[in-house]
Protein backbone atom coordinates (compact mmCIF):
# COMPACT_ATOMS: atom_id res chain seq x y z
CA MET A 1 4.92 0.37 -1.35
CA GLY A 2 3.49 1.84 1.27
CA ASN A 3 2.31 3.09 1.72
CA THR A 4 1.52 6.14 0.62
CA LEU A 5 -1.14 8.26 1.33
CA ILE A 6 -3.16 7.34 -2.01
CA LEU A 7 -6.87 7.99 -2.43
CA ALA A 8 -9.13 5.86 -4.45
CA ILE A 9 -6.84 5.36 -7.42
CA SER A 10 -3.76 4.79 -5.56
CA VAL A 11 -1.99 1.65 -6.58
CA VAL A 12 -3.78 1.07 -9.95
CA LEU A 13 -2.09 4.51 -11.01
CA LEU A 14 1.07 3.35 -9.51
CA ILE A 15 1.07 0.15 -11.17
CA LEU A 16 0.22 1.43 -14.56
CA SER A 17 2.60 4.40 -14.17
CA PHE A 18 5.62 2.20 -13.35
CA GLY A 19 4.93 -0.19 -16.25
CA SER A 20 4.68 2.84 -18.59
CA ALA A 21 7.70 4.45 -17.28
CA TYR A 22 10.12 1.57 -17.26
CA GLY A 23 8.68 -0.40 -20.17
CA MET A 24 8.07 -3.35 -17.84
CA ARG A 25 5.72 -6.22 -18.57
CA ILE A 26 3.27 -6.22 -15.49
CA GLU A 27 1.43 -9.41 -14.56
CA LEU A 28 0.10 -8.44 -11.19
CA PHE A 29 -3.47 -9.59 -12.70
CA SER A 30 -2.36 -13.13 -13.14
CA ASP A 31 -1.56 -15.64 -10.50
CA LYS A 32 1.83 -16.72 -12.35
CA GLY A 33 4.53 -17.38 -9.73
CA GLN A 34 5.86 -14.22 -9.07
CA ASP A 35 3.94 -13.13 -5.89
CA LYS A 36 5.71 -14.41 -2.84
CA SER A 37 3.27 -12.75 -0.24
CA ASP A 38 1.77 -15.85 0.86
CA ASP A 39 5.10 -17.49 2.20
CA GLY A 40 5.05 -14.49 5.00
CA ILE A 41 7.31 -11.50 4.91
CA CYS A 42 9.82 -13.17 7.15
CA LYS A 43 10.31 -16.27 4.97
CA SER A 44 10.00 -14.30 1.71
CA MET A 45 11.91 -11.15 2.06
CA ALA A 46 14.02 -11.18 5.49
CA GLU A 47 15.31 -14.71 5.92
CA PRO A 48 16.73 -14.86 2.14
CA HIS A 49 18.95 -11.90 3.32
CA ASN A 50 20.25 -13.98 6.39
CA TYR A 51 18.24 -11.88 8.82
CA VAL A 52 16.67 -13.70 11.71
CA CYS A 53 12.91 -12.89 11.46
CA GLU A 54 9.94 -13.77 13.68
CA GLU A 55 6.21 -13.87 12.82
CA HIS A 56 3.96 -12.39 15.46
CA THR A 57 0.12 -11.62 15.79
CA VAL A 58 -1.83 -9.13 17.76
CA ARG A 59 -5.47 -8.90 18.45
CA THR A 60 -7.04 -5.29 18.39
CA GLY A 61 -9.73 -4.14 20.75
CA ASP A 62 -12.32 -4.38 18.08
CA GLY A 63 -11.32 -7.91 17.20
CA TYR A 64 -9.08 -7.65 14.21
CA ILE A 65 -5.93 -9.85 14.06
CA LEU A 66 -2.84 -8.22 12.89
CA GLY A 67 0.53 -9.55 11.80
CA LEU A 68 3.71 -8.31 13.25
CA GLN A 69 7.20 -9.18 11.92
CA ARG A 70 10.25 -8.96 14.32
CA ILE A 71 13.80 -8.80 13.37
CA PRO A 72 15.53 -8.89 16.66
CA VAL A 73 19.30 -8.58 15.66
CA GLY A 74 21.47 -7.69 12.45
CA GLN A 75 23.16 -9.62 10.06
CA SER A 76 26.04 -10.05 12.36
CA GLY A 77 23.81 -11.73 15.11
CA GLY A 78 24.21 -10.92 18.65
CA THR A 79 21.54 -10.84 21.33
CA SER A 80 18.24 -9.13 21.21
CA ARG A 81 18.50 -8.24 24.86
CA ASP A 82 18.25 -4.62 25.80
CA ARG A 83 18.12 -3.46 22.20
CA PRO A 84 15.76 -0.52 21.90
CA PRO A 85 12.55 -1.49 19.98
CA VAL A 86 11.46 0.52 17.10
CA LEU A 87 8.04 -0.07 15.47
CA LEU A 88 7.62 0.67 11.70
CA GLN A 89 4.32 1.57 10.08
CA HIS A 90 3.61 1.44 6.49
CA GLY A 91 1.08 3.70 4.49
CA ILE A 92 -2.16 2.75 2.77
CA LEU A 93 -2.68 0.09 0.22
CA ALA A 94 0.71 -1.45 1.44
CA ASP A 95 2.08 -3.75 4.18
CA GLY A 96 5.29 -4.11 6.19
CA THR A 97 6.96 -5.12 2.91
CA THR A 98 7.50 -1.46 2.49
CA TRP A 99 10.37 -1.38 4.95
CA ILE A 100 12.53 -4.14 3.19
CA LEU A 101 12.06 -3.61 -0.46
CA LEU A 102 15.38 -2.08 -0.70
CA PRO A 103 18.20 -4.55 -0.01
CA PRO A 104 20.34 -4.86 2.97
CA GLY A 105 22.53 -1.71 3.29
CA LYS A 106 19.68 0.45 2.00
CA SER A 107 16.53 -0.83 3.72
CA LEU A 108 15.45 0.97 6.94
CA ALA A 109 14.30 -2.15 8.61
CA PHE A 110 17.64 -3.88 8.02
CA LEU A 111 19.55 -0.78 8.62
CA LEU A 112 17.97 -0.39 12.09
CA ALA A 113 18.61 -4.25 12.73
CA ASP A 114 22.20 -3.70 12.03
CA ASN A 115 22.67 -0.58 14.04
CA GLY A 116 21.56 -2.00 17.35
CA PHE A 117 17.75 -1.80 17.35
CA ASP A 118 14.89 -4.42 17.87
CA VAL A 119 12.92 -3.91 14.75
CA TRP A 120 9.12 -4.60 14.78
CA ILE A 121 7.18 -4.27 11.39
CA ALA A 122 3.27 -3.48 11.86
CA ASN A 123 0.56 -4.56 9.28
CA SER A 124 -2.57 -2.88 9.41
CA ARG A 125 -6.01 -4.36 9.07
CA GLY A 126 -7.09 -5.21 5.54
CA THR A 127 -3.68 -6.37 4.43
CA ALA A 128 -2.59 -10.07 3.79
CA SER A 129 -0.76 -10.01 7.04
CA SER A 130 -4.04 -9.68 8.95
CA GLY A 131 -5.96 -12.55 10.06
CA HIS A 132 -9.22 -11.42 8.40
CA ALA A 133 -10.76 -8.41 7.08
CA PHE A 134 -14.00 -6.58 7.55
CA TRP A 135 -14.39 -3.25 5.86
CA ASP A 136 -16.51 -0.84 8.11
CA TRP A 137 -13.56 1.34 9.21
CA SER A 138 -11.47 4.25 8.43
CA TRP A 139 -8.07 5.48 9.51
CA ASP A 140 -9.65 6.71 12.74
CA LYS A 141 -9.81 2.95 13.83
CA LEU A 142 -5.99 2.52 12.80
CA ALA A 143 -5.37 5.14 15.18
CA SER A 144 -7.49 4.05 17.97
CA PHE A 145 -7.18 0.23 17.87
CA ASP A 146 -4.43 -0.94 15.54
CA LEU A 147 -1.70 1.40 16.64
CA PRO A 148 -2.22 1.03 20.24
CA ALA A 149 -2.60 -2.86 19.84
CA ALA A 150 0.87 -3.02 18.10
CA PHE A 151 2.39 -0.67 20.59
CA ALA A 152 1.18 -2.63 23.68
CA TYR A 153 2.29 -5.81 22.24
CA VAL A 154 5.96 -4.64 21.44
CA HIS A 155 6.01 -2.92 24.88
CA GLN A 156 4.98 -5.88 26.56
CA GLN A 157 7.44 -8.36 24.76
CA THR A 158 10.46 -5.98 25.21
CA LYS A 159 9.55 -4.32 28.49
CA GLN A 160 10.96 -0.93 27.00
CA ARG A 161 9.28 2.06 25.55
CA VAL A 162 9.20 2.06 21.70
CA HIS A 163 10.53 4.24 18.94
CA TYR A 164 8.06 4.70 16.14
CA VAL A 165 8.55 5.18 12.39
CA GLY A 166 5.38 6.11 10.36
CA TYR A 167 5.33 6.78 6.74
CA SER A 168 2.45 8.60 4.70
CA GLN A 169 -0.76 7.26 6.56
CA GLY A 170 1.37 5.88 9.09
CA SER A 171 2.24 9.23 10.09
CA LEU A 172 -1.26 10.47 10.12
CA ILE A 173 -2.52 7.91 12.59
CA ALA A 174 0.49 8.77 14.97
CA LEU A 175 -0.19 12.26 14.95
CA ALA A 176 -3.93 11.57 15.51
CA ALA A 177 -3.21 9.44 18.58
CA LEU A 178 -0.66 11.56 19.94
CA SER A 179 -3.14 14.57 19.67
CA LYS A 180 -5.50 12.65 21.99
CA LYS A 181 -2.56 12.09 24.42
CA HIS A 182 -2.50 8.37 23.67
CA LEU A 183 0.69 6.17 23.43
CA LEU A 184 2.63 8.44 25.60
CA SER A 185 3.41 5.97 28.23
CA MET A 186 4.93 3.60 25.79
CA LEU A 187 6.54 6.05 23.26
CA ARG A 188 10.23 6.94 23.06
CA SER A 189 10.23 8.98 20.00
CA ALA A 190 8.31 9.26 16.60
CA ALA A 191 9.83 9.96 13.15
CA LEU A 192 7.34 10.63 10.29
CA LEU A 193 8.39 10.23 6.74
CA SER A 194 6.28 12.15 3.93
CA PRO A 195 3.99 13.13 6.73
CA ILE A 196 0.13 13.25 6.21
CA SER A 197 -1.79 15.50 8.34
CA TYR A 198 -3.57 18.45 6.62
CA MET A 199 -4.64 17.51 3.24
CA GLY A 200 -6.12 20.46 1.65
CA HIS A 201 -3.29 21.65 -0.51
CA ILE A 202 -2.66 17.98 -2.11
CA SER A 203 -1.33 19.18 -5.61
CA SER A 204 -1.75 15.57 -7.33
CA PRO A 205 -4.38 16.35 -10.07
CA LEU A 206 -5.41 12.61 -10.17
CA VAL A 207 -6.18 12.47 -6.59
CA ARG A 208 -7.96 15.77 -6.43
CA VAL A 209 -10.09 14.68 -9.21
CA ALA A 210 -11.19 11.55 -7.26
CA ALA A 211 -12.03 13.56 -4.18
CA GLU A 212 -13.71 16.62 -5.58
CA ASN A 213 -15.87 14.43 -7.70
CA PHE A 214 -16.90 12.41 -4.80
CA MET A 215 -15.67 9.24 -6.46
CA ALA A 216 -15.19 7.16 -3.56
CA GLU A 217 -18.48 8.24 -2.01
CA ARG A 218 -20.24 6.96 -5.31
CA LEU A 219 -18.59 3.78 -4.99
CA TYR A 220 -19.18 3.31 -1.38
CA GLN A 221 -23.01 3.92 -1.89
CA LEU A 222 -23.01 1.39 -4.53
CA GLY A 223 -22.04 -1.16 -2.00
CA HIS A 224 -18.29 -1.38 -2.64
CA ASN A 225 -16.94 -1.56 0.98
CA GLU A 226 -13.45 -2.95 0.13
CA PHE A 227 -11.11 -1.12 -2.19
CA ASN A 228 -9.14 -3.60 -3.97
CA PRO A 229 -6.68 -1.64 -5.92
CA ILE A 230 -6.59 -4.35 -8.67
CA GLY A 231 -10.21 -4.80 -8.62
CA ASP A 232 -13.23 -3.67 -10.65
CA ALA A 233 -13.98 -0.78 -8.43
CA ALA A 234 -10.39 0.78 -8.82
CA THR A 235 -10.52 0.07 -12.56
CA LYS A 236 -13.84 1.96 -12.93
CA MET A 237 -12.55 5.00 -11.06
CA LEU A 238 -9.26 5.01 -13.10
CA LYS A 239 -11.48 5.22 -16.23
CA ASP A 240 -13.54 7.77 -14.87
CA ILE A 241 -10.61 9.92 -13.94
CA CYS A 242 -8.95 9.54 -17.20
CA GLN A 243 -11.91 10.79 -19.00
CA LYS A 244 -11.78 14.19 -17.02
CA SER A 245 -10.43 17.02 -18.97
CA GLY A 246 -7.04 18.23 -18.11
CA ILE A 247 -5.76 14.94 -16.85
CA ASP A 248 -2.91 13.43 -18.92
CA CYS A 249 -3.03 9.50 -18.13
CA SER A 250 0.05 8.95 -19.81
CA LYS A 251 1.83 10.50 -17.08
CA PHE A 252 0.56 8.70 -14.04
CA LEU A 253 3.59 8.60 -11.79
CA THR A 254 4.15 12.41 -11.88
CA ALA A 255 0.72 13.30 -11.95
CA PHE A 256 0.07 11.31 -8.87
CA THR A 257 2.94 11.28 -6.43
CA GLY A 258 5.12 14.06 -7.95
CA GLN A 259 8.31 13.58 -9.60
CA ASN A 260 10.28 11.05 -7.73
CA CYS A 261 13.75 11.85 -8.10
CA CYS A 262 15.77 8.56 -7.30
CA ILE A 263 13.83 5.33 -8.00
CA ASN A 264 15.28 2.65 -10.26
CA LYS A 265 14.02 -0.46 -12.10
CA SER A 266 15.03 -2.98 -9.50
CA ILE A 267 12.88 -1.58 -6.54
CA VAL A 268 10.06 -1.18 -9.06
CA GLN A 269 10.18 -4.81 -9.69
CA ALA A 270 10.55 -5.66 -6.10
CA PHE A 271 7.35 -3.74 -5.33
CA LEU A 272 5.49 -5.42 -8.31
CA ASN A 273 6.52 -8.98 -6.89
CA HIS A 274 4.29 -8.02 -3.95
CA LYS A 275 0.72 -7.44 -4.70
CA PRO A 276 -0.75 -4.00 -3.37
CA GLN A 277 -3.01 -4.43 -0.43
CA SER A 278 -6.71 -3.57 0.06
CA SER A 279 -8.01 -0.84 2.13
CA SER A 280 -11.77 -0.02 2.98
CA MET A 281 -13.65 2.28 0.79
CA LYS A 282 -14.79 4.06 3.84
CA ASN A 283 -11.25 5.15 4.34
CA MET A 284 -11.00 6.51 0.88
CA VAL A 285 -14.19 8.40 1.70
CA HIS A 286 -12.67 9.71 4.88
CA LEU A 287 -9.39 10.85 3.09
CA SER A 288 -11.52 12.49 0.49
CA GLN A 289 -13.39 14.46 2.93
CA MET A 290 -10.14 15.78 4.61
CA MET A 291 -8.92 16.81 1.33
CA ARG A 292 -12.17 18.86 0.44
CA ASN A 293 -12.44 20.41 3.94
CA GLY A 294 -8.78 21.10 4.78
CA THR A 295 -9.30 19.68 8.22
CA ILE A 296 -8.16 16.83 10.30
CA SER A 297 -11.33 15.37 11.69
CA MET A 298 -12.81 11.90 12.36
CA TYR A 299 -14.98 10.34 9.84
CA ASN A 300 -18.12 12.24 8.63
CA TYR A 301 -21.29 10.16 8.49
CA GLY A 302 -22.98 12.90 6.45
CA GLU A 303 -26.10 12.86 8.52
CA LYS A 304 -26.41 15.03 11.63
CA ASP A 305 -28.32 12.23 13.60
CA GLU A 306 -25.67 9.64 12.58
CA ASN A 307 -22.79 11.97 13.76
CA ILE A 308 -24.57 12.48 17.12
CA GLN A 309 -25.03 8.70 17.27
CA HIS A 310 -21.21 8.11 16.98
CA TYR A 311 -19.73 11.20 18.48
CA GLY A 312 -22.49 12.87 20.73
CA LYS A 313 -22.49 16.03 18.36
CA PRO A 314 -23.73 16.78 15.01
CA ARG A 315 -20.17 17.29 13.60
CA PRO A 316 -17.34 14.86 13.77
CA PRO A 317 -14.63 15.82 16.33
CA SER A 318 -11.27 17.36 15.18
CA TYR A 319 -7.69 16.00 15.90
CA ASP A 320 -5.80 18.96 17.27
CA MET A 321 -2.34 18.94 16.27
CA LYS A 322 -1.57 21.59 18.86
CA SER A 323 -2.33 19.28 21.41
CA ILE A 324 0.63 16.86 20.90
CA PRO A 325 2.83 17.19 23.79
CA ASN A 326 5.62 19.68 23.32
CA ASP A 327 8.37 17.24 24.74
CA VAL A 328 7.61 14.31 22.50
CA PRO A 329 10.82 13.64 20.30
CA LEU A 330 9.80 14.26 16.72
CA PHE A 331 11.60 13.77 13.54
CA LEU A 332 9.84 14.96 10.31
CA SER A 333 11.27 14.48 6.99
CA TYR A 334 9.35 15.95 3.91
CA GLY A 335 10.10 16.72 0.20
CA GLY A 336 9.65 19.49 -2.04
CA ALA A 337 8.44 17.53 -4.92
CA ASP A 338 5.80 15.56 -3.01
CA ALA A 339 2.23 15.70 -4.61
CA LEU A 340 0.60 13.96 -1.82
CA SER A 341 2.44 15.48 1.34
CA ASP A 342 2.39 18.78 -0.08
CA VAL A 343 4.86 21.40 1.37
CA LYS A 344 1.96 23.66 2.12
CA ASP A 345 0.20 21.17 4.30
CA VAL A 346 3.39 20.17 5.95
CA LYS A 347 4.00 23.76 7.00
CA LEU A 348 0.47 23.71 8.43
CA LEU A 349 1.65 21.00 10.59
CA LEU A 350 4.76 22.51 11.41
CA LYS A 351 2.93 25.79 12.38
CA SER A 352 0.87 23.84 14.64
CA LEU A 353 3.89 22.50 16.26
CA SER A 354 5.59 25.79 16.66
CA ASP A 355 5.66 25.63 20.41
CA HIS A 356 7.39 22.22 20.41
CA ASP A 357 10.40 22.11 22.46
CA GLY A 358 13.35 23.14 20.23
CA ASP A 359 15.75 20.30 21.26
CA LYS A 360 12.76 17.83 20.59
CA LEU A 361 11.77 18.57 17.16
CA VAL A 362 14.07 17.63 14.07
CA ILE A 363 12.85 19.00 10.66
CA GLN A 364 14.46 17.67 7.55
CA TYR A 365 13.53 18.97 3.89
CA GLN A 366 14.81 17.29 0.65
CA GLU A 367 13.74 19.53 -2.22
CA ASP A 368 13.90 16.97 -4.88
CA TYR A 369 12.22 14.08 -3.02
CA ALA A 370 8.47 13.09 -4.10
CA HIS A 371 6.30 10.58 -2.18
CA LEU A 372 7.83 7.39 -3.01
CA ASP A 373 11.40 8.36 -2.73
CA PHE A 374 11.25 8.00 0.96
CA ILE A 375 10.76 4.38 0.89
CA MET A 376 12.25 3.55 -2.59
CA ALA A 377 14.88 5.98 -3.52
CA GLU A 378 18.43 4.48 -4.05
CA ASN A 379 19.91 7.30 -1.97
CA ALA A 380 17.22 6.98 0.77
CA ARG A 381 19.98 6.00 3.31
CA GLU A 382 22.22 8.73 2.77
CA ILE A 383 19.57 11.28 2.64
CA VAL A 384 16.85 10.07 5.24
CA TYR A 385 17.72 7.00 6.79
CA ASP A 386 21.14 7.73 8.34
CA PRO A 387 20.04 10.98 10.00
CA LEU A 388 17.02 9.18 11.25
CA VAL A 389 19.04 6.30 12.93
CA ALA A 390 21.18 9.04 14.39
CA PHE A 391 17.89 10.77 15.82
CA LEU A 392 16.77 7.60 17.33
CA THR A 393 19.96 6.59 18.91
CA LEU A 394 20.18 10.09 20.62
CA GLN A 395 16.79 9.52 22.40
């Protein structure tokens, strides 16, 4: 799943809610044979559908080894020469499987390959597709190290500028990088699905409780550096949230993501067959800070001296969305039922982009879509992906 911008309780709630909503037997806590992630994304998810798929690795400037999957051609074959490259970036607590959960004809990665694109699937640090995991990072590092490394690798391999598609946290890191004028020499266009930037209006009661009660901070202070969504720290957080008054923990999915309109059992099972991925607890703290403050700033170390040590000033610098160049082709798709990418927050982002060149900004609004519909909905191709492919083709 992707990614989703999920704070400390994320996939734990998602797993439980799916199981409750669909009456499914869930065995994510066992090692019985359904998990195929150890086979690699290409072997387990692309090649069985008769797509050529390559496994690549890239090293970041601060020493992380990240996996990249490439689908160079569609099912009909052909040559990968001169196909425009597109890089797909998942959200938090997920990996590149986000983009091939749906079957051929519906999955964005497969659709792009079948429509003449050279598809590259990114995997952030901390996922099973990274070579190792150290946990002293927040999404700042994804924007300043992981994303540039993936872009540079794809650009070098293809000798072309790169289209980008980011979902949830994948949109946040792109917006942050672009606000700092990074990636521009390698970027062709950017599409942001369920975009995350401002977070002060997130309406998910479960996520708000976690942030407003400093739950991630407490776990981080207790020495939990990794946030494993099926581990003890996540379970404790879930228990604490469900004890808060006003939270109906029998309705996890709606209370967490908003009422997703168009997800069925088969896609839920596909998600459950691939274990959720870890993130850093520091990342959860960072996202919680943004929710409480309503700003898009770098990680706040809390102590003035420590902020000065890292940033040269007592407060962390902000990412100014107004600094994104007005001529960058952008496609933004958001949903009216999304409790994580709230409409009010998206409108703040759009206000920041009010001076953007009119012919370089495409805005799509789907009233009944919530957070997971953008990557799991049965009708995502017709609603989101076909217009997105058309946008990329024109750039």
